Amino acid sequence: MPSTLIRLAVALLAFGLGVSATMFWIAYRTPEVTDKRVMKLIKINPRLAHPLPPLPPLPTIEELPPPPPPLPRAPQRIVHTPDYGDLINDKALSKPAPVYPRIAVVRNSSGIVRVQVFVDESGRVVSAKAMSGDDLLRQAAVDAAYQARFAPTLVEGQSVTVSGTLTYNFVLP
């Protein structure tokens, strides 16, 4: 029991010293602080009243250097094809059929799924997202869209990124 009391007394003393040191630091770093308790402690121990060197003033907005210029971005031109991918389907070199999900067969799901795709300059699908269709069939259509390959689309002699919509018709076997 006595050791616990000693530990408690030491902890309270350390806490009190920490709070006092923090109060002194705040009082001397900010001269506008006029807390009566801090001033009373300074009168008790005048050694603590030594002045600290002043902090340099912060620069004004006018004194700050201008921000660096933005990094140049490579211009990327995206050509959007009309709805349902009439033009993008014509450029298809390979458009594999989607794998019919077993759960969709069991639940008699069928129908058309439209997938929005972005085709890069080399003809590879870089992004595919199902826009409409049965939820059970959407992922199979997206997976098939990622496997599709297209001829590069040229605009003014430059290969460009193309967006369009691929249509997959799921018919029950």
Protein backbone atom coordinates (compact mmCIF):
# COMPACT_ATOMS: atom_id res chain seq x y z
CA MET A 1 0.00 0.00 0.00
CA PRO A 2 2.73 2.56 0.82
CA SER A 3 4.44 1.95 -2.53
CA THR A 4 1.17 2.70 -4.32
CA LEU A 5 0.85 5.99 -2.46
CA ILE A 6 4.42 6.91 -3.33
CA ARG A 7 3.81 6.13 -6.99
CA LEU A 8 0.64 8.22 -6.93
CA ALA A 9 2.43 11.15 -5.31
CA VAL A 10 5.25 10.99 -7.89
CA ALA A 11 2.75 10.84 -10.75
CA LEU A 12 0.83 13.86 -9.42
CA LEU A 13 4.07 15.80 -8.95
CA ALA A 14 5.19 15.00 -12.51
CA PHE A 15 1.79 16.00 -13.85
CA GLY A 16 1.89 19.29 -11.96
CA LEU A 17 5.38 20.07 -13.22
CA GLY A 18 4.30 19.30 -16.79
CA VAL A 19 1.29 21.58 -16.54
CA SER A 20 3.41 24.37 -15.03
CA ALA A 21 6.07 24.05 -17.72
CA THR A 22 3.40 24.13 -20.42
CA MET A 23 1.83 27.26 -18.92
CA PHE A 24 5.21 29.01 -18.81
CA TRP A 25 5.95 28.05 -22.39
CA ILE A 26 2.60 29.40 -23.58
CA ALA A 27 2.99 32.59 -21.57
CA TYR A 28 6.40 33.41 -23.01
CA ARG A 29 5.68 32.39 -26.58
CA THR A 30 2.56 34.52 -26.75
CA PRO A 31 3.11 37.85 -24.95
CA GLU A 32 -0.59 38.76 -25.03
CA VAL A 33 -1.34 36.04 -22.46
CA THR A 34 -1.90 37.69 -19.09
CA ASP A 35 -3.12 34.82 -17.00
CA LYS A 36 -2.92 35.90 -13.34
CA ARG A 37 -1.83 32.46 -12.19
CA VAL A 38 1.11 32.45 -14.62
CA MET A 39 2.17 35.93 -13.52
CA LYS A 40 1.93 34.86 -9.89
CA LEU A 41 4.25 31.90 -10.59
CA ILE A 42 6.74 34.22 -12.28
CA LYS A 43 6.80 36.45 -9.17
CA ILE A 44 7.57 33.39 -7.06
CA ASN A 45 10.48 32.29 -9.26
CA PRO A 46 11.98 35.26 -11.17
CA ARG A 47 14.52 33.02 -12.96
CA LEU A 48 11.67 31.81 -15.18
CA ALA A 49 11.02 35.33 -16.49
CA HIS A 50 13.92 35.48 -18.99
CA PRO A 51 12.79 36.71 -22.39
CA LEU A 52 12.81 34.36 -25.35
CA PRO A 53 14.09 35.60 -28.72
CA PRO A 54 11.25 36.83 -30.93
CA LEU A 55 10.00 34.60 -33.70
CA PRO A 56 10.57 35.85 -37.25
CA PRO A 57 7.44 37.29 -38.85
CA LEU A 58 5.50 35.16 -41.29
CA PRO A 59 5.80 36.20 -44.93
CA THR A 60 2.84 37.94 -46.50
CA ILE A 61 1.07 36.54 -49.53
CA GLU A 62 2.86 39.03 -51.76
CA GLU A 63 6.26 37.85 -50.49
CA LEU A 64 5.60 34.19 -51.23
CA PRO A 65 7.10 32.80 -54.44
CA PRO A 66 4.65 32.04 -57.24
CA PRO A 67 3.42 28.44 -57.49
CA PRO A 68 5.18 26.21 -60.00
CA PRO A 69 3.52 25.88 -63.39
CA PRO A 70 1.31 22.81 -63.85
CA LEU A 71 2.90 19.78 -65.41
CA PRO A 72 2.07 19.38 -69.08
CA ARG A 73 -0.42 16.62 -69.74
CA ALA A 74 -0.32 14.55 -72.83
CA PRO A 75 -3.42 15.39 -74.83
CA GLN A 76 -5.68 12.39 -74.98
CA ARG A 77 -8.45 12.50 -77.45
CA ILE A 78 -11.45 10.28 -76.88
CA VAL A 79 -13.85 9.70 -79.72
CA HIS A 80 -17.37 8.75 -78.63
CA THR A 81 -19.27 6.54 -81.03
CA PRO A 82 -23.05 6.63 -81.42
CA ASP A 83 -25.28 4.56 -79.16
CA TYR A 84 -25.12 0.77 -79.28
CA GLY A 85 -21.63 0.75 -80.75
CA ASP A 86 -22.41 0.67 -84.47
CA LEU A 87 -18.95 2.01 -85.30
CA ILE A 88 -17.09 0.15 -82.60
CA ASN A 89 -18.63 -3.19 -83.58
CA ASP A 90 -17.41 -2.61 -87.16
CA LYS A 91 -13.83 -2.24 -85.84
CA ALA A 92 -13.94 -5.50 -83.87
CA LEU A 93 -11.16 -7.92 -84.83
CA SER A 94 -12.35 -10.46 -82.27
CA LYS A 95 -15.44 -10.32 -80.11
CA PRO A 96 -15.67 -13.54 -78.12
CA ALA A 97 -19.09 -14.71 -77.03
CA PRO A 98 -19.72 -14.46 -73.29
CA VAL A 99 -19.87 -17.55 -71.11
CA TYR A 100 -23.49 -18.11 -70.06
CA PRO A 101 -23.50 -18.24 -66.23
CA ARG A 102 -24.94 -21.46 -64.78
CA ILE A 103 -27.05 -19.55 -62.26
CA ALA A 104 -28.62 -17.60 -65.15
CA VAL A 105 -29.48 -20.86 -66.95
CA VAL A 106 -31.04 -22.28 -63.77
CA ARG A 107 -33.10 -19.11 -63.29
CA ASN A 108 -34.03 -18.85 -67.00
CA SER A 109 -32.39 -15.44 -67.38
CA SER A 110 -31.88 -14.18 -70.91
CA GLY A 111 -31.84 -10.92 -72.83
CA ILE A 112 -29.61 -8.17 -74.10
CA VAL A 113 -26.76 -6.67 -72.07
CA ARG A 114 -25.16 -3.41 -73.20
CA VAL A 115 -21.57 -2.76 -72.10
CA GLN A 116 -19.89 0.65 -72.31
CA VAL A 117 -16.23 0.16 -73.31
CA PHE A 118 -13.16 2.34 -73.77
CA VAL A 119 -10.70 1.05 -76.35
CA ASP A 120 -7.14 2.43 -76.23
CA GLU A 121 -4.94 3.43 -79.14
CA SER A 122 -3.73 -0.13 -79.68
CA GLY A 123 -7.24 -1.65 -79.85
CA ARG A 124 -7.40 -3.17 -76.35
CA VAL A 125 -10.37 -2.67 -74.04
CA VAL A 126 -9.16 -0.69 -71.02
CA SER A 127 -12.51 -0.13 -69.31
CA ALA A 128 -15.84 -1.95 -69.47
CA LYS A 129 -19.04 -1.34 -67.52
CA ALA A 130 -22.43 -2.99 -67.97
CA MET A 131 -25.05 -0.31 -68.61
CA SER A 132 -28.22 -2.40 -68.91
CA GLY A 133 -29.42 -5.98 -68.79
CA ASP A 134 -30.14 -8.73 -66.30
CA ASP A 135 -27.96 -8.60 -63.19
CA LEU A 136 -27.08 -12.29 -63.53
CA LEU A 137 -25.71 -11.73 -67.04
CA ARG A 138 -23.86 -8.42 -66.61
CA GLN A 139 -20.54 -9.76 -65.28
CA ALA A 140 -20.30 -12.36 -68.05
CA ALA A 141 -20.81 -9.61 -70.64
CA VAL A 142 -18.15 -7.40 -69.04
CA ASP A 143 -15.67 -10.31 -68.96
CA ALA A 144 -16.31 -10.98 -72.65
CA ALA A 145 -15.90 -7.27 -73.47
CA TYR A 146 -12.42 -7.23 -71.86
CA GLN A 147 -11.38 -10.09 -74.18
CA ALA A 148 -12.49 -8.26 -77.33
CA ARG A 149 -9.87 -6.73 -79.65
CA PHE A 150 -10.38 -3.88 -82.09
CA ALA A 151 -8.57 -2.29 -84.99
CA PRO A 152 -6.98 1.02 -83.95
CA THR A 153 -9.13 4.04 -84.75
CA LEU A 154 -7.32 6.80 -86.63
CA VAL A 155 -8.39 10.43 -86.53
CA GLU A 156 -6.31 12.84 -88.61
CA GLY A 157 -3.62 10.16 -88.91
CA GLN A 158 -3.37 9.62 -85.14
CA SER A 159 -4.55 6.62 -83.20
CA VAL A 160 -7.12 7.67 -80.54
CA THR A 161 -9.01 6.22 -77.59
CA VAL A 162 -12.56 5.26 -78.56
CA SER A 163 -15.63 4.72 -76.44
CA GLY A 164 -18.68 2.82 -77.50
CA THR A 165 -21.29 0.30 -76.48
CA LEU A 166 -21.09 -3.40 -77.16
CA THR A 167 -24.29 -5.44 -77.25
CA TYR A 168 -24.41 -9.05 -76.06
CA ASN A 169 -27.56 -11.10 -76.64
CA PHE A 170 -27.97 -13.97 -74.18
CA VAL A 171 -30.27 -16.72 -75.48
CA LEU A 172 -31.03 -19.76 -73.34
CA PRO A 173 -29.41 -22.93 -74.71
